[in-house]
Amino acid sequence: MVNCDDGGAKSGHLSVVRGSVSADDDARAWTVADVCAFLSVGKTWVYDRCAENLPGGLPFKRIGSRLRFDSVEVRAWWRSQGPEGQAQLSAALRERRAPRDARARSRKEREQ
């Protein structure tokens, strides 16, 4: 659970709870962690998509050595992926989670 809210002193701050991103954060730039929470992917996946820097790829801006994302652009990009793009993302996630899931199954089998 990540909560970047400073207790309400400033409005428009992101609140990420269990992988969800609130709608009131459109006024600020997202970090890699925010994009990860919105897409339910790991940091490596986000960094890899940014490193590819393909036309039509994940939209980002570099500020010094840091990556920042416009939440409206990221949401629009996500919607534009359509079933094919979202299926590719889902396949990548399954591939990434496969070793972890296999370890969990192995652990359960040993416990039984």
C-alpha atoms as a PDB file:
ATOM      1  CA  MET A   1       0.000   0.000   0.000  1.00  0.00           C
ATOM      2  CA  VAL A   2       1.356   3.362  -1.009  1.00  0.00           C
ATOM      3  CA  ASN A   3      -0.210   6.566   0.141  1.00  0.00           C
ATOM      4  CA  CYS A   4       1.384   9.726  -1.164  1.00  0.00           C
ATOM      5  CA  ASP A   5      -1.222  11.947   0.424  1.00  0.00           C
ATOM      6  CA  ASP A   6       0.221  14.380   2.947  1.00  0.00           C
ATOM      7  CA  GLY A   7      -2.831  14.324   5.169  1.00  0.00           C
ATOM      8  CA  GLY A   8      -4.880  16.721   3.089  1.00  0.00           C
ATOM      9  CA  ALA A   9      -2.592  19.739   3.334  1.00  0.00           C
ATOM     10  CA  LYS A  10      -2.520  19.974  -0.453  1.00  0.00           C
ATOM     11  CA  SER A  11      -5.238  18.857  -2.840  1.00  0.00           C
ATOM     12  CA  GLY A  12      -4.719  16.693  -5.891  1.00  0.00           C
ATOM     13  CA  HIS A  13      -2.204  14.273  -4.415  1.00  0.00           C
ATOM     14  CA  LEU A  14      -2.160  10.662  -5.478  1.00  0.00           C
ATOM     15  CA  SER A  15      -3.472   7.984  -3.236  1.00  0.00           C
ATOM     16  CA  VAL A  16      -2.570   4.453  -4.303  1.00  0.00           C
ATOM     17  CA  VAL A  17      -4.177   1.688  -2.309  1.00  0.00           C
ATOM     18  CA  ARG A  18      -3.858  -1.935  -3.429  1.00  0.00           C
ATOM     19  CA  GLY A  19      -2.923  -1.029  -6.980  1.00  0.00           C
ATOM     20  CA  SER A  20      -5.579   1.597  -7.590  1.00  0.00           C
ATOM     21  CA  VAL A  21      -4.929   5.167  -8.644  1.00  0.00           C
ATOM     22  CA  SER A  22      -7.392   7.850  -7.643  1.00  0.00           C
ATOM     23  CA  ALA A  23      -9.019  10.120 -10.200  1.00  0.00           C
ATOM     24  CA  ASP A  24      -8.027  13.353  -8.445  1.00  0.00           C
ATOM     25  CA  ASP A  25      -4.372  13.053  -9.471  1.00  0.00           C
ATOM     26  CA  ASP A  26      -4.708  14.431 -13.024  1.00  0.00           C
ATOM     27  CA  ALA A  27      -3.186  17.726 -11.912  1.00  0.00           C
ATOM     28  CA  ARG A  28       0.238  16.250 -11.162  1.00  0.00           C
ATOM     29  CA  ALA A  29       2.778  14.186 -13.026  1.00  0.00           C
ATOM     30  CA  TRP A  30       2.812  10.479 -12.282  1.00  0.00           C
ATOM     31  CA  THR A  31       5.947   8.670 -11.199  1.00  0.00           C
ATOM     32  CA  VAL A  32       6.989   5.197 -12.318  1.00  0.00           C
ATOM     33  CA  ALA A  33       5.337   3.825  -9.158  1.00  0.00           C
ATOM     34  CA  ASP A  34       2.055   5.534 -10.077  1.00  0.00           C
ATOM     35  CA  VAL A  35       2.100   4.011 -13.573  1.00  0.00           C
ATOM     36  CA  CYS A  36       2.921   0.612 -12.074  1.00  0.00           C
ATOM     37  CA  ALA A  37      -0.078   0.891  -9.761  1.00  0.00           C
ATOM     38  CA  PHE A  38      -2.404   1.994 -12.574  1.00  0.00           C
ATOM     39  CA  LEU A  39      -1.325  -0.758 -14.986  1.00  0.00           C
ATOM     40  CA  SER A  40      -0.623  -3.389 -12.313  1.00  0.00           C
ATOM     41  CA  VAL A  41       2.848  -4.046 -13.682  1.00  0.00           C
ATOM     42  CA  GLY A  42       6.340  -3.959 -12.238  1.00  0.00           C
ATOM     43  CA  LYS A  43       8.876  -1.159 -12.502  1.00  0.00           C
ATOM     44  CA  THR A  44      11.009  -3.166 -14.905  1.00  0.00           C
ATOM     45  CA  TRP A  45       8.110  -3.406 -17.358  1.00  0.00           C
ATOM     46  CA  VAL A  46       7.586   0.376 -17.270  1.00  0.00           C
ATOM     47  CA  TYR A  47      11.306   1.108 -17.646  1.00  0.00           C
ATOM     48  CA  ASP A  48      11.537  -1.370 -20.537  1.00  0.00           C
ATOM     49  CA  ARG A  49       8.603   0.272 -22.358  1.00  0.00           C
ATOM     50  CA  CYS A  50      10.220   3.689 -21.896  1.00  0.00           C
ATOM     51  CA  ALA A  51      13.625   2.420 -23.034  1.00  0.00           C
ATOM     52  CA  GLU A  52      12.020   1.118 -26.244  1.00  0.00           C
ATOM     53  CA  ASN A  53      10.716   4.663 -26.885  1.00  0.00           C
ATOM     54  CA  LEU A  54       8.587   3.430 -29.784  1.00  0.00           C
ATOM     55  CA  PRO A  55       6.051   5.635 -31.591  1.00  0.00           C
ATOM     56  CA  GLY A  56       2.700   4.822 -30.043  1.00  0.00           C
ATOM     57  CA  GLY A  57       4.441   3.432 -26.967  1.00  0.00           C
ATOM     58  CA  LEU A  58       3.954   4.346 -23.348  1.00  0.00           C
ATOM     59  CA  PRO A  59       4.026   8.179 -23.219  1.00  0.00           C
ATOM     60  CA  PHE A  60       6.587   9.671 -20.845  1.00  0.00           C
ATOM     61  CA  LYS A  61       8.776  12.700 -20.290  1.00  0.00           C
ATOM     62  CA  ARG A  62      12.292  12.676 -18.932  1.00  0.00           C
ATOM     63  CA  ILE A  63      13.109  15.279 -16.301  1.00  0.00           C
ATOM     64  CA  GLY A  64      16.810  14.935 -15.700  1.00  0.00           C
ATOM     65  CA  SER A  65      17.285  11.265 -14.978  1.00  0.00           C
ATOM     66  CA  ARG A  66      13.702  10.786 -13.795  1.00  0.00           C
ATOM     67  CA  LEU A  67      10.697   9.631 -15.782  1.00  0.00           C
ATOM     68  CA  ARG A  68       7.378  11.399 -15.401  1.00  0.00           C
ATOM     69  CA  PHE A  69       4.034  10.602 -16.963  1.00  0.00           C
ATOM     70  CA  ASP A  70       0.943  12.633 -17.778  1.00  0.00           C
ATOM     71  CA  SER A  71      -1.938  10.669 -16.258  1.00  0.00           C
ATOM     72  CA  VAL A  72      -4.344  11.714 -19.019  1.00  0.00           C
ATOM     73  CA  GLU A  73      -1.886  10.539 -21.701  1.00  0.00           C
ATOM     74  CA  VAL A  74      -1.247   7.228 -19.926  1.00  0.00           C
ATOM     75  CA  ARG A  75      -4.980   6.555 -19.583  1.00  0.00           C
ATOM     76  CA  ALA A  76      -5.522   7.459 -23.257  1.00  0.00           C
ATOM     77  CA  TRP A  77      -2.615   5.187 -24.252  1.00  0.00           C
ATOM     78  CA  TRP A  78      -4.118   2.349 -22.229  1.00  0.00           C
ATOM     79  CA  ARG A  79      -7.522   2.770 -23.899  1.00  0.00           C
ATOM     80  CA  SER A  80      -5.867   2.914 -27.345  1.00  0.00           C
ATOM     81  CA  GLN A  81      -4.205  -0.453 -26.825  1.00  0.00           C
ATOM     82  CA  GLY A  82      -7.462  -2.221 -27.604  1.00  0.00           C
ATOM     83  CA  PRO A  83      -7.905  -5.946 -27.118  1.00  0.00           C
ATOM     84  CA  GLU A  84      -4.678  -6.844 -28.945  1.00  0.00           C
ATOM     85  CA  GLY A  85      -2.464  -4.520 -26.919  1.00  0.00           C
ATOM     86  CA  GLN A  86      -4.132  -5.440 -23.665  1.00  0.00           C
ATOM     87  CA  ALA A  87      -3.803  -9.136 -24.539  1.00  0.00           C
ATOM     88  CA  GLN A  88      -0.068  -8.616 -25.104  1.00  0.00           C
ATOM     89  CA  LEU A  89       0.204  -6.876 -21.735  1.00  0.00           C
ATOM     90  CA  SER A  90      -1.722  -9.700 -20.077  1.00  0.00           C
ATOM     91  CA  ALA A  91       0.561 -12.281 -21.699  1.00  0.00           C
ATOM     92  CA  ALA A  92       3.634 -10.384 -20.517  1.00  0.00           C
ATOM     93  CA  LEU A  93       2.204 -10.263 -17.009  1.00  0.00           C
ATOM     94  CA  ARG A  94       1.455 -13.993 -17.027  1.00  0.00           C
ATOM     95  CA  GLU A  95       4.996 -14.683 -18.217  1.00  0.00           C
ATOM     96  CA  ARG A  96       6.421 -12.443 -15.506  1.00  0.00           C
ATOM     97  CA  ARG A  97       4.261 -14.056 -12.810  1.00  0.00           C
ATOM     98  CA  ALA A  98       4.814 -17.656 -13.946  1.00  0.00           C
ATOM     99  CA  PRO A  99       7.985 -18.267 -11.880  1.00  0.00           C
ATOM    100  CA  ARG A 100       6.368 -16.754  -8.789  1.00  0.00           C
ATOM    101  CA  ASP A 101       3.195 -18.819  -9.274  1.00  0.00           C
ATOM    102  CA  ALA A 102       5.258 -21.986  -9.804  1.00  0.00           C
ATOM    103  CA  ARG A 103       7.150 -21.330  -6.566  1.00  0.00           C
ATOM    104  CA  ALA A 104       3.860 -20.820  -4.721  1.00  0.00           C
ATOM    105  CA  ARG A 105       2.432 -24.083  -6.109  1.00  0.00           C
ATOM    106  CA  SER A 106       5.620 -25.900  -5.156  1.00  0.00           C
ATOM    107  CA  ARG A 107       5.426 -24.523  -1.626  1.00  0.00           C
ATOM    108  CA  LYS A 108       1.794 -25.629  -1.281  1.00  0.00           C
ATOM    109  CA  GLU A 109       2.635 -29.109  -2.563  1.00  0.00           C
ATOM    110  CA  ARG A 110       5.462 -29.440  -0.027  1.00  0.00           C
ATOM    111  CA  GLU A 111       3.162 -28.339   2.801  1.00  0.00           C
ATOM    112  CA  GLN A 112       0.578 -30.986   1.970  1.00  0.00           C
END
